[in-house]
PDB file of N, CA and C in Angstrom:
ATOM      1  N   MET A   1     -53.785 -54.403  24.242  1.00  0.00           N
ATOM      2  CA  MET A   1     -53.076 -53.362  24.951  1.00  0.00           C
ATOM      3  C   MET A   1     -53.374 -53.498  26.444  1.00  0.00           C
ATOM      4  N   SER A   2     -52.332 -53.419  27.271  1.00  0.00           N
ATOM      5  CA  SER A   2     -52.542 -53.579  28.712  1.00  0.00           C
ATOM      6  C   SER A   2     -52.983 -52.257  29.333  1.00  0.00           C
ATOM      7  N   GLU A   3     -53.766 -52.399  30.367  1.00  0.00           N
ATOM      8  CA  GLU A   3     -54.267 -51.239  31.082  1.00  0.00           C
ATOM      9  C   GLU A   3     -53.182 -50.718  32.016  1.00  0.00           C
ATOM     10  N   LYS A   4     -52.956 -49.430  32.024  1.00  0.00           N
ATOM     11  CA  LYS A   4     -51.917 -48.844  32.871  1.00  0.00           C
ATOM     12  C   LYS A   4     -52.562 -48.254  34.116  1.00  0.00           C
ATOM     13  N   ARG A   5     -51.886 -48.493  35.250  1.00  0.00           N
ATOM     14  CA  ARG A   5     -52.355 -47.958  36.530  1.00  0.00           C
ATOM     15  C   ARG A   5     -51.204 -47.254  37.219  1.00  0.00           C
ATOM     16  N   MET A   6     -51.524 -46.464  38.217  1.00  0.00           N
ATOM     17  CA  MET A   6     -50.507 -45.756  38.977  1.00  0.00           C
ATOM     18  C   MET A   6     -50.330 -46.454  40.325  1.00  0.00           C
ATOM     19  N   LEU A   7     -49.079 -46.561  40.752  1.00  0.00           N
ATOM     20  CA  LEU A   7     -48.755 -47.165  42.035  1.00  0.00           C
ATOM     21  C   LEU A   7     -48.079 -46.104  42.884  1.00  0.00           C
ATOM     22  N   ILE A   8     -48.613 -45.858  44.054  1.00  0.00           N
ATOM     23  CA  ILE A   8     -48.051 -44.840  44.927  1.00  0.00           C
ATOM     24  C   ILE A   8     -47.226 -45.537  45.997  1.00  0.00           C
ATOM     25  N   VAL A   9     -45.937 -45.152  46.068  1.00  0.00           N
ATOM     26  CA  VAL A   9     -45.020 -45.750  47.040  1.00  0.00           C
ATOM     27  C   VAL A   9     -44.222 -44.648  47.721  1.00  0.00           C
ATOM     28  N   ASP A  10     -43.602 -45.004  48.843  1.00  0.00           N
ATOM     29  CA  ASP A  10     -42.762 -44.056  49.575  1.00  0.00           C
ATOM     30  C   ASP A  10     -41.562 -43.636  48.728  1.00  0.00           C
ATOM     31  N   GLY A  11     -41.036 -42.466  49.034  1.00  0.00           N
ATOM     32  CA  GLY A  11     -39.861 -41.958  48.328  1.00  0.00           C
ATOM     33  C   GLY A  11     -38.648 -42.863  48.492  1.00  0.00           C
ATOM     34  N   ASP A  12     -38.503 -43.486  49.682  1.00  0.00           N
ATOM     35  CA  ASP A  12     -37.381 -44.402  49.911  1.00  0.00           C
ATOM     36  C   ASP A  12     -37.451 -45.600  48.973  1.00  0.00           C
ATOM     37  N   VAL A  13     -38.646 -46.104  48.731  1.00  0.00           N
ATOM     38  CA  VAL A  13     -38.829 -47.246  47.829  1.00  0.00           C
ATOM     39  C   VAL A  13     -38.444 -46.850  46.404  1.00  0.00           C
ATOM     40  N   VAL A  14     -38.836 -45.652  45.999  1.00  0.00           N
ATOM     41  CA  VAL A  14     -38.497 -45.162  44.666  1.00  0.00           C
ATOM     42  C   VAL A  14     -36.979 -45.052  44.520  1.00  0.00           C
ATOM     43  N   ARG A  15     -36.297 -44.549  45.547  1.00  0.00           N
ATOM     44  CA  ARG A  15     -34.828 -44.449  45.503  1.00  0.00           C
ATOM     45  C   ARG A  15     -34.184 -45.827  45.399  1.00  0.00           C
ATOM     46  N   LYS A  16     -34.702 -46.812  46.166  1.00  0.00           N
ATOM     47  CA  LYS A  16     -34.154 -48.172  46.095  1.00  0.00           C
ATOM     48  C   LYS A  16     -34.353 -48.774  44.712  1.00  0.00           C
ATOM     49  N   ILE A  17     -35.516 -48.527  44.141  1.00  0.00           N
ATOM     50  CA  ILE A  17     -35.796 -49.030  42.789  1.00  0.00           C
ATOM     51  C   ILE A  17     -34.815 -48.410  41.797  1.00  0.00           C
ATOM     52  N   ASP A  18     -34.655 -47.096  41.866  1.00  0.00           N
ATOM     53  CA  ASP A  18     -33.760 -46.410  40.926  1.00  0.00           C
ATOM     54  C   ASP A  18     -32.303 -46.840  41.098  1.00  0.00           C
ATOM     55  N   GLU A  19     -31.889 -47.112  42.331  1.00  0.00           N
ATOM     56  CA  GLU A  19     -30.508 -47.531  42.590  1.00  0.00           C
ATOM     57  C   GLU A  19     -30.219 -48.941  42.071  1.00  0.00           C
ATOM     58  N   ASN A  20     -31.241 -49.785  41.976  1.00  0.00           N
ATOM     59  CA  ASN A  20     -31.018 -51.197  41.669  1.00  0.00           C
ATOM     60  C   ASN A  20     -31.533 -51.665  40.317  1.00  0.00           C
ATOM     61  N   ARG A  21     -32.245 -50.856  39.590  1.00  0.00           N
ATOM     62  CA  ARG A  21     -32.895 -51.334  38.374  1.00  0.00           C
ATOM     63  C   ARG A  21     -31.981 -51.374  37.164  1.00  0.00           C
ATOM     64  N   GLY A  22     -30.833 -50.729  37.227  1.00  0.00           N
ATOM     65  CA  GLY A  22     -29.908 -50.738  36.093  1.00  0.00           C
ATOM     66  C   GLY A  22     -30.539 -50.105  34.873  1.00  0.00           C
ATOM     67  N   ASP A  23     -30.510 -50.832  33.725  1.00  0.00           N
ATOM     68  CA  ASP A  23     -31.062 -50.307  32.471  1.00  0.00           C
ATOM     69  C   ASP A  23     -32.549 -50.598  32.308  1.00  0.00           C
ATOM     70  N   MET A  24     -33.126 -51.338  33.245  1.00  0.00           N
ATOM     71  CA  MET A  24     -34.544 -51.690  33.142  1.00  0.00           C
ATOM     72  C   MET A  24     -35.408 -50.466  33.447  1.00  0.00           C
ATOM     73  N   SER A  25     -36.572 -50.437  32.844  1.00  0.00           N
ATOM     74  CA  SER A  25     -37.514 -49.377  33.195  1.00  0.00           C
ATOM     75  C   SER A  25     -38.080 -49.682  34.583  1.00  0.00           C
ATOM     76  N   VAL A  26     -38.652 -48.701  35.207  1.00  0.00           N
ATOM     77  CA  VAL A  26     -39.225 -48.898  36.541  1.00  0.00           C
ATOM     78  C   VAL A  26     -40.301 -49.972  36.493  1.00  0.00           C
ATOM     79  N   ALA A  27     -41.170 -49.923  35.485  1.00  0.00           N
ATOM     80  CA  ALA A  27     -42.256 -50.899  35.366  1.00  0.00           C
ATOM     81  C   ALA A  27     -41.706 -52.312  35.163  1.00  0.00           C
ATOM     82  N   ASP A  28     -40.694 -52.446  34.290  1.00  0.00           N
ATOM     83  CA  ASP A  28     -40.093 -53.764  34.057  1.00  0.00           C
ATOM     84  C   ASP A  28     -39.422 -54.299  35.319  1.00  0.00           C
ATOM     85  N   PHE A  29     -38.730 -53.424  36.055  1.00  0.00           N
ATOM     86  CA  PHE A  29     -38.048 -53.844  37.277  1.00  0.00           C
ATOM     87  C   PHE A  29     -39.041 -54.306  38.332  1.00  0.00           C
ATOM     88  N   ILE A  30     -40.125 -53.569  38.506  1.00  0.00           N
ATOM     89  CA  ILE A  30     -41.143 -53.968  39.486  1.00  0.00           C
ATOM     90  C   ILE A  30     -41.795 -55.279  39.059  1.00  0.00           C
ATOM     91  N   SER A  31     -42.065 -55.444  37.785  1.00  0.00           N
ATOM     92  CA  SER A  31     -42.624 -56.717  37.288  1.00  0.00           C
ATOM     93  C   SER A  31     -41.658 -57.866  37.550  1.00  0.00           C
ATOM     94  N   PHE A  32     -40.365 -57.637  37.299  1.00  0.00           N
ATOM     95  CA  PHE A  32     -39.344 -58.653  37.555  1.00  0.00           C
ATOM     96  C   PHE A  32     -39.327 -59.052  39.032  1.00  0.00           C
ATOM     97  N   LEU A  33     -39.366 -58.069  39.918  1.00  0.00           N
ATOM     98  CA  LEU A  33     -39.357 -58.354  41.357  1.00  0.00           C
ATOM     99  C   LEU A  33     -40.584 -59.150  41.781  1.00  0.00           C
ATOM    100  N   ILE A  34     -41.721 -58.769  41.273  1.00  0.00           N
ATOM    101  CA  ILE A  34     -42.964 -59.472  41.617  1.00  0.00           C
ATOM    102  C   ILE A  34     -42.927 -60.899  41.094  1.00  0.00           C
ATOM    103  N   ASP A  35     -42.497 -61.077  39.843  1.00  0.00           N
ATOM    104  CA  ASP A  35     -42.408 -62.419  39.255  1.00  0.00           C
ATOM    105  C   ASP A  35     -41.439 -63.306  40.031  1.00  0.00           C
ATOM    106  N   SER A  36     -40.294 -62.744  40.422  1.00  0.00           N
ATOM    107  CA  SER A  36     -39.313 -63.554  41.152  1.00  0.00           C
ATOM    108  C   SER A  36     -39.841 -63.957  42.525  1.00  0.00           C
ATOM    109  N   GLN A  37     -40.637 -63.111  43.143  1.00  0.00           N
ATOM    110  CA  GLN A  37     -41.227 -63.465  44.438  1.00  0.00           C
ATOM    111  C   GLN A  37     -42.291 -64.539  44.290  1.00  0.00           C
ATOM    112  N   LEU A  38     -43.044 -64.497  43.219  1.00  0.00           N
ATOM    113  CA  LEU A  38     -44.118 -65.471  43.009  1.00  0.00           C
ATOM    114  C   LEU A  38     -43.585 -66.848  42.623  1.00  0.00           C
ATOM    115  N   LYS A  39     -42.345 -66.925  42.148  1.00  0.00           N
ATOM    116  CA  LYS A  39     -41.754 -68.200  41.735  1.00  0.00           C
ATOM    117  C   LYS A  39     -41.136 -68.965  42.896  1.00  0.00           C
ATOM    118  N   GLN A  40     -41.219 -68.458  44.097  1.00  0.00           N
ATOM    119  CA  GLN A  40     -40.621 -69.141  45.235  1.00  0.00           C
ATOM    120  C   GLN A  40     -41.397 -70.402  45.568  1.00  0.00           C
ATOM    121  N   ASP A  41     -40.673 -71.387  46.120  1.00  0.00           N
ATOM    122  CA  ASP A  41     -41.321 -72.650  46.476  1.00  0.00           C
ATOM    123  C   ASP A  41     -41.967 -72.565  47.850  1.00  0.00           C
ATOM    124  N   VAL A  42     -42.474 -73.661  48.337  1.00  0.00           N
ATOM    125  CA  VAL A  42     -43.218 -73.710  49.594  1.00  0.00           C
ATOM    126  C   VAL A  42     -42.370 -73.262  50.781  1.00  0.00           C
ATOM    127  N   ASN A  43     -41.071 -73.581  50.770  1.00  0.00           N
ATOM    128  CA  ASN A  43     -40.185 -73.218  51.881  1.00  0.00           C
ATOM    129  C   ASN A  43     -39.795 -71.751  51.859  1.00  0.00           C
ATOM    130  N   GLY A  44     -40.199 -71.027  50.831  1.00  0.00           N
ATOM    131  CA  GLY A  44     -39.862 -69.612  50.754  1.00  0.00           C
ATOM    132  C   GLY A  44     -38.561 -69.349  50.029  1.00  0.00           C
ATOM    133  N   TYR A  45     -37.962 -70.376  49.429  1.00  0.00           N
ATOM    134  CA  TYR A  45     -36.704 -70.197  48.725  1.00  0.00           C
ATOM    135  C   TYR A  45     -36.919 -70.352  47.234  1.00  0.00           C
ATOM    136  N   SER A  46     -36.196 -69.589  46.491  1.00  0.00           N
ATOM    137  CA  SER A  46     -36.237 -69.711  45.038  1.00  0.00           C
ATOM    138  C   SER A  46     -35.471 -70.962  44.638  1.00  0.00           C
ATOM    139  N   ASN A  47     -35.901 -71.608  43.571  1.00  0.00           N
ATOM    140  CA  ASN A  47     -35.230 -72.818  43.109  1.00  0.00           C
ATOM    141  C   ASN A  47     -33.842 -72.525  42.558  1.00  0.00           C
ATOM    142  N   ASP A  48     -33.525 -71.278  42.302  1.00  0.00           N
ATOM    143  CA  ASP A  48     -32.247 -70.907  41.709  1.00  0.00           C
ATOM    144  C   ASP A  48     -31.146 -70.673  42.747  1.00  0.00           C
ATOM    145  N   HIS A  49     -31.462 -70.697  44.015  1.00  0.00           N
ATOM    146  CA  HIS A  49     -30.480 -70.330  45.038  1.00  0.00           C
ATOM    147  C   HIS A  49     -30.388 -71.388  46.136  1.00  0.00           C
ATOM    148  N   VAL A  50     -29.238 -71.396  46.795  1.00  0.00           N
ATOM    149  CA  VAL A  50     -29.034 -72.283  47.932  1.00  0.00           C
ATOM    150  C   VAL A  50     -28.851 -71.420  49.170  1.00  0.00           C
ATOM    151  N   THR A  51     -29.267 -71.945  50.302  1.00  0.00           N
ATOM    152  CA  THR A  51     -29.071 -71.202  51.534  1.00  0.00           C
ATOM    153  C   THR A  51     -27.635 -71.364  52.001  1.00  0.00           C
ATOM    154  N   LYS A  52     -27.228 -70.499  52.891  1.00  0.00           N
ATOM    155  CA  LYS A  52     -25.871 -70.562  53.442  1.00  0.00           C
ATOM    156  C   LYS A  52     -25.668 -71.889  54.163  1.00  0.00           C
ATOM    157  N   GLU A  53     -26.674 -72.334  54.889  1.00  0.00           N
ATOM    158  CA  GLU A  53     -26.581 -73.597  55.623  1.00  0.00           C
ATOM    159  C   GLU A  53     -26.443 -74.779  54.666  1.00  0.00           C
ATOM    160  N   GLU A  54     -27.205 -74.765  53.569  1.00  0.00           N
ATOM    161  CA  GLU A  54     -27.107 -75.843  52.581  1.00  0.00           C
ATOM    162  C   GLU A  54     -25.722 -75.884  51.953  1.00  0.00           C
ATOM    163  N   PHE A  55     -25.166 -74.716  51.665  1.00  0.00           N
ATOM    164  CA  PHE A  55     -23.832 -74.670  51.072  1.00  0.00           C
ATOM    165  C   PHE A  55     -22.783 -75.164  52.069  1.00  0.00           C
ATOM    166  N   GLN A  56     -22.911 -74.785  53.333  1.00  0.00           N
ATOM    167  CA  GLN A  56     -21.956 -75.240  54.342  1.00  0.00           C
ATOM    168  C   GLN A  56     -22.035 -76.756  54.526  1.00  0.00           C
ATOM    169  N   GLN A  57     -23.238 -77.321  54.488  1.00  0.00           N
ATOM    170  CA  GLN A  57     -23.384 -78.774  54.577  1.00  0.00           C
ATOM    171  C   GLN A  57     -22.747 -79.461  53.376  1.00  0.00           C
ATOM    172  N   PHE A  58     -22.938 -78.894  52.202  1.00  0.00           N
ATOM    173  CA  PHE A  58     -22.323 -79.438  50.986  1.00  0.00           C
ATOM    174  C   PHE A  58     -20.803 -79.389  51.094  1.00  0.00           C
ATOM    175  N   GLU A  59     -20.278 -78.249  51.511  1.00  0.00           N
ATOM    176  CA  GLU A  59     -18.826 -78.082  51.654  1.00  0.00           C
ATOM    177  C   GLU A  59     -18.269 -79.083  52.669  1.00  0.00           C
ATOM    178  N   GLN A  60     -18.953 -79.240  53.776  1.00  0.00           N
ATOM    179  CA  GLN A  60     -18.527 -80.184  54.810  1.00  0.00           C
ATOM    180  C   GLN A  60     -18.542 -81.610  54.259  1.00  0.00           C
ATOM    181  N   GLY A  61     -19.559 -81.959  53.505  1.00  0.00           N
ATOM    182  CA  GLY A  61     -19.649 -83.290  52.913  1.00  0.00           C
ATOM    183  C   GLY A  61     -18.524 -83.558  51.931  1.00  0.00           C
ATOM    184  N   ILE A  62     -18.197 -82.558  51.118  1.00  0.00           N
ATOM    185  CA  ILE A  62     -17.110 -82.713  50.153  1.00  0.00           C
ATOM    186  C   ILE A  62     -15.778 -82.886  50.873  1.00  0.00           C
ATOM    187  N   ARG A  63     -15.544 -82.101  51.920  1.00  0.00           N
ATOM    188  CA  ARG A  63     -14.290 -82.233  52.680  1.00  0.00           C
ATOM    189  C   ARG A  63     -14.187 -83.623  53.316  1.00  0.00           C
ATOM    190  N   GLU A  64     -15.282 -84.103  53.848  1.00  0.00           N
ATOM    191  CA  GLU A  64     -15.286 -85.437  54.456  1.00  0.00           C
ATOM    192  C   GLU A  64     -15.035 -86.509  53.396  1.00  0.00           C
ATOM    193  N   LEU A  65     -15.628 -86.352  52.241  1.00  0.00           N
ATOM    194  CA  LEU A  65     -15.421 -87.292  51.141  1.00  0.00           C
ATOM    195  C   LEU A  65     -13.955 -87.304  50.707  1.00  0.00           C
ATOM    196  N   LEU A  66     -13.354 -86.129  50.567  1.00  0.00           N
ATOM    197  CA  LEU A  66     -11.939 -86.054  50.199  1.00  0.00           C
ATOM    198  C   LEU A  66     -11.055 -86.706  51.257  1.00  0.00           C
ATOM    199  N   ARG A  67     -11.369 -86.451  52.511  1.00  0.00           N
ATOM    200  CA  ARG A  67     -10.587 -87.043  53.593  1.00  0.00           C
ATOM    201  C   ARG A  67     -10.699 -88.573  53.550  1.00  0.00           C
ATOM    202  N   ASN A  68     -11.904 -89.082  53.310  1.00  0.00           N
ATOM    203  CA  ASN A  68     -12.101 -90.528  53.217  1.00  0.00           C
ATOM    204  C   ASN A  68     -11.340 -91.127  52.035  1.00  0.00           C
ATOM    205  N   PHE A  69     -11.322 -90.420  50.907  1.00  0.00           N
ATOM    206  CA  PHE A  69     -10.562 -90.898  49.755  1.00  0.00           C
ATOM    207  C   PHE A  69      -9.076 -90.969  50.073  1.00  0.00           C
ATOM    208  N   LEU A  70      -8.561 -89.911  50.704  1.00  0.00           N
ATOM    209  CA  LEU A  70      -7.136 -89.913  51.050  1.00  0.00           C
ATOM    210  C   LEU A  70      -6.808 -91.058  52.001  1.00  0.00           C
ATOM    211  N   GLU A  71      -7.646 -91.260  53.004  1.00  0.00           N
ATOM    212  CA  GLU A  71      -7.415 -92.359  53.943  1.00  0.00           C
ATOM    213  C   GLU A  71      -7.469 -93.711  53.226  1.00  0.00           C
ATOM    214  N   PHE A  72      -8.422 -93.869  52.326  1.00  0.00           N
ATOM    215  CA  PHE A  72      -8.554 -95.122  51.593  1.00  0.00           C
ATOM    216  C   PHE A  72      -7.314 -95.401  50.749  1.00  0.00           C
ATOM    217  N   PHE A  73      -6.893 -94.412  49.975  1.00  0.00           N
ATOM    218  CA  PHE A  73      -5.752 -94.631  49.103  1.00  0.00           C
ATOM    219  C   PHE A  73      -4.471 -94.846  49.894  1.00  0.00           C
ATOM    220  N   LEU A  74      -4.352 -94.174  51.021  1.00  0.00           N
ATOM    221  CA  LEU A  74      -3.179 -94.371  51.867  1.00  0.00           C
ATOM    222  C   LEU A  74      -3.169 -95.786  52.421  1.00  0.00           C
ATOM    223  N   SER A  75      -4.305 -96.233  52.968  1.00  0.00           N
ATOM    224  CA  SER A  75      -4.351 -97.582  53.543  1.00  0.00           C
ATOM    225  C   SER A  75      -4.280 -98.648  52.454  1.00  0.00           C
ATOM    226  N   TYR A  76      -4.854 -98.412  51.289  1.00  0.00           N
ATOM    227  CA  TYR A  76      -4.812 -99.365  50.186  1.00  0.00           C
ATOM    228  C   TYR A  76      -3.367 -99.557  49.713  1.00  0.00           C
ATOM    229  N   GLY A  77      -2.636 -98.448  49.608  1.00  0.00           N
ATOM    230  CA  GLY A  77      -1.231 -98.528  49.208  1.00  0.00           C
ATOM    231  C   GLY A  77      -0.408 -99.306  50.212  1.00  0.00           C
ATOM    232  N   LEU A  78      -0.696 -99.138  51.504  1.00  0.00           N
ATOM    233  CA  LEU A  78       0.052 -99.849  52.539  1.00  0.00           C
ATOM    234  C   LEU A  78      -0.284-101.335  52.527  1.00  0.00           C
ATOM    235  N   GLU A  79      -1.547-101.690  52.253  1.00  0.00           N
ATOM    236  CA  GLU A  79      -1.954-103.093  52.227  1.00  0.00           C
ATOM    237  C   GLU A  79      -1.322-103.842  51.062  1.00  0.00           C
ATOM    238  N   LEU A  80      -1.064-103.171  49.961  1.00  0.00           N
ATOM    239  CA  LEU A  80      -0.450-103.824  48.807  1.00  0.00           C
ATOM    240  C   LEU A  80       1.048-104.027  48.996  1.00  0.00           C
ATOM    241  N   GLY A  81       1.575-103.533  50.091  1.00  0.00           N
ATOM    242  CA  GLY A  81       2.994-103.703  50.358  1.00  0.00           C
ATOM    243  C   GLY A  81       3.839-102.591  49.789  1.00  0.00           C
ATOM    244  N   LYS A  82       3.210-101.637  49.157  1.00  0.00           N
ATOM    245  CA  LYS A  82       3.964-100.503  48.620  1.00  0.00           C
ATOM    246  C   LYS A  82       4.204 -99.529  49.751  1.00  0.00           C
ATOM    247  N   GLU A  83       5.415 -99.358  50.099  1.00  0.00           N
ATOM    248  CA  GLU A  83       5.748 -98.418  51.170  1.00  0.00           C
ATOM    249  C   GLU A  83       5.894 -97.015  50.576  1.00  0.00           C
ATOM    250  N   PRO A  84       5.062 -96.101  51.004  1.00  0.00           N
ATOM    251  CA  PRO A  84       5.206 -94.737  50.485  1.00  0.00           C
ATOM    252  C   PRO A  84       6.477 -94.107  51.047  1.00  0.00           C
ATOM    253  N   THR A  85       7.003 -93.161  50.313  1.00  0.00           N
ATOM    254  CA  THR A  85       8.176 -92.452  50.816  1.00  0.00           C
ATOM    255  C   THR A  85       7.742 -91.585  51.989  1.00  0.00           C
ATOM    256  N   ASP A  86       8.717 -91.213  52.789  1.00  0.00           N
ATOM    257  CA  ASP A  86       8.412 -90.365  53.947  1.00  0.00           C
ATOM    258  C   ASP A  86       7.773 -89.046  53.523  1.00  0.00           C
ATOM    259  N   LYS A  87       8.206 -88.507  52.404  1.00  0.00           N
ATOM    260  CA  LYS A  87       7.643 -87.238  51.921  1.00  0.00           C
ATOM    261  C   LYS A  87       6.189 -87.416  51.510  1.00  0.00           C
ATOM    262  N   GLU A  88       5.884 -88.519  50.806  1.00  0.00           N
ATOM    263  CA  GLU A  88       4.499 -88.783  50.396  1.00  0.00           C
ATOM    264  C   GLU A  88       3.602 -88.966  51.612  1.00  0.00           C
ATOM    265  N   LEU A  89       4.075 -89.756  52.567  1.00  0.00           N
ATOM    266  CA  LEU A  89       3.297 -90.016  53.778  1.00  0.00           C
ATOM    267  C   LEU A  89       3.080 -88.737  54.568  1.00  0.00           C
ATOM    268  N   GLU A  90       4.109 -87.926  54.661  1.00  0.00           N
ATOM    269  CA  GLU A  90       3.994 -86.660  55.394  1.00  0.00           C
ATOM    270  C   GLU A  90       3.015 -85.714  54.690  1.00  0.00           C
ATOM    271  N   ALA A  91       3.064 -85.653  53.361  1.00  0.00           N
ATOM    272  CA  ALA A  91       2.148 -84.781  52.611  1.00  0.00           C
ATOM    273  C   ALA A  91       0.706 -85.239  52.771  1.00  0.00           C
ATOM    274  N   LEU A  92       0.472 -86.544  52.683  1.00  0.00           N
ATOM    275  CA  LEU A  92      -0.885 -87.070  52.859  1.00  0.00           C
ATOM    276  C   LEU A  92      -1.387 -86.835  54.283  1.00  0.00           C
ATOM    277  N   THR A  93      -0.518 -87.034  55.257  1.00  0.00           N
ATOM    278  CA  THR A  93      -0.894 -86.810  56.656  1.00  0.00           C
ATOM    279  C   THR A  93      -1.293 -85.354  56.874  1.00  0.00           C
ATOM    280  N   LYS A  94      -0.529 -84.428  56.301  1.00  0.00           N
ATOM    281  CA  LYS A  94      -0.862 -83.001  56.440  1.00  0.00           C
ATOM    282  C   LYS A  94      -2.209 -82.685  55.795  1.00  0.00           C
ATOM    283  N   LYS A  95      -2.457 -83.268  54.604  1.00  0.00           N
ATOM    284  CA  LYS A  95      -3.740 -83.040  53.929  1.00  0.00           C
ATOM    285  C   LYS A  95      -4.896 -83.565  54.768  1.00  0.00           C
ATOM    286  N   LEU A  96      -4.700 -84.757  55.357  1.00  0.00           N
ATOM    287  CA  LEU A  96      -5.749 -85.334  56.205  1.00  0.00           C
ATOM    288  C   LEU A  96      -6.009 -84.446  57.418  1.00  0.00           C
ATOM    289  N   GLN A  97      -4.950 -83.934  58.017  1.00  0.00           N
ATOM    290  CA  GLN A  97      -5.105 -83.079  59.192  1.00  0.00           C
ATOM    291  C   GLN A  97      -5.825 -81.786  58.836  1.00  0.00           C
ATOM    292  N   VAL A  98      -5.472 -81.196  57.700  1.00  0.00           N
ATOM    293  CA  VAL A  98      -6.120 -79.952  57.275  1.00  0.00           C
ATOM    294  C   VAL A  98      -7.602 -80.185  57.000  1.00  0.00           C
ATOM    295  N   LEU A  99      -7.900 -81.269  56.269  1.00  0.00           N
ATOM    296  CA  LEU A  99      -9.309 -81.558  55.967  1.00  0.00           C
ATOM    297  C   LEU A  99     -10.074 -81.902  57.231  1.00  0.00           C
ATOM    298  N   GLY A 100      -9.472 -82.651  58.125  1.00  0.00           N
ATOM    299  CA  GLY A 100     -10.137 -83.018  59.382  1.00  0.00           C
ATOM    300  C   GLY A 100     -10.377 -81.804  60.256  1.00  0.00           C
ATOM    301  N   ALA A 101      -9.378 -80.907  60.329  1.00  0.00           N
ATOM    302  CA  ALA A 101      -9.514 -79.715  61.156  1.00  0.00           C
ATOM    303  C   ALA A 101     -10.577 -78.777  60.591  1.00  0.00           C
ATOM    304  N   SER A 102     -10.611 -78.627  59.269  1.00  0.00           N
ATOM    305  CA  SER A 102     -11.608 -77.730  58.687  1.00  0.00           C
ATOM    306  C   SER A 102     -13.008 -78.308  58.820  1.00  0.00           C
ATOM    307  N   ALA A 103     -13.128 -79.621  58.748  1.00  0.00           N
ATOM    308  CA  ALA A 103     -14.442 -80.255  58.915  1.00  0.00           C
ATOM    309  C   ALA A 103     -14.925 -80.077  60.359  1.00  0.00           C
ATOM    310  N   LYS A 104     -14.010 -80.232  61.326  1.00  0.00           N
ATOM    311  CA  LYS A 104     -14.387 -80.056  62.741  1.00  0.00           C
ATOM    312  C   LYS A 104     -14.759 -78.597  63.014  1.00  0.00           C
ATOM    313  N   ALA A 105     -14.032 -77.668  62.413  1.00  0.00           N
ATOM    314  CA  ALA A 105     -14.341 -76.241  62.610  1.00  0.00           C
ATOM    315  C   ALA A 105     -15.722 -75.914  62.066  1.00  0.00           C
ATOM    316  N   LYS A 106     -16.072 -76.478  60.918  1.00  0.00           N
ATOM    317  CA  LYS A 106     -17.389 -76.239  60.326  1.00  0.00           C
ATOM    318  C   LYS A 106     -18.491 -76.853  61.191  1.00  0.00           C
ATOM    319  N   ASN A 107     -18.221 -78.026  61.796  1.00  0.00           N
ATOM    320  CA  ASN A 107     -19.217 -78.680  62.639  1.00  0.00           C
ATOM    321  C   ASN A 107     -19.526 -77.866  63.881  1.00  0.00           C
ATOM    322  N   SER A 108     -18.512 -77.174  64.413  1.00  0.00           N
ATOM    323  CA  SER A 108     -18.718 -76.436  65.660  1.00  0.00           C
ATOM    324  C   SER A 108     -19.440 -75.120  65.436  1.00  0.00           C
ATOM    325  N   GLN A 109     -19.587 -74.703  64.174  1.00  0.00           N
ATOM    326  CA  GLN A 109     -20.267 -73.413  63.911  1.00  0.00           C
ATOM    327  C   GLN A 109     -21.725 -73.533  63.953  1.00  0.00           C
TER     328      GLN A 109
END
């Protein structure tokens, strides 16, 4: 049997606990919060989450990869002598411009 103790906290803390604990008991919720804080790695981040900066870098990398694929397939098709239709070329050009513009916008932030 575990030993029970009393924890004295400010009224504001009690209100925050009650607002956020859902169906959990107060003791279970506080234990959950403490456990989640202790599981953080050396950098102070939990292994279950990504930072906003990490996500933006990932998004930027994916956009650049897509843009490179489009450029490759466009140039590969032209090298094989297959002339794309004007509509295909225009659609690919627009996609490249959109991906390039969004990548540049992300870089400037």
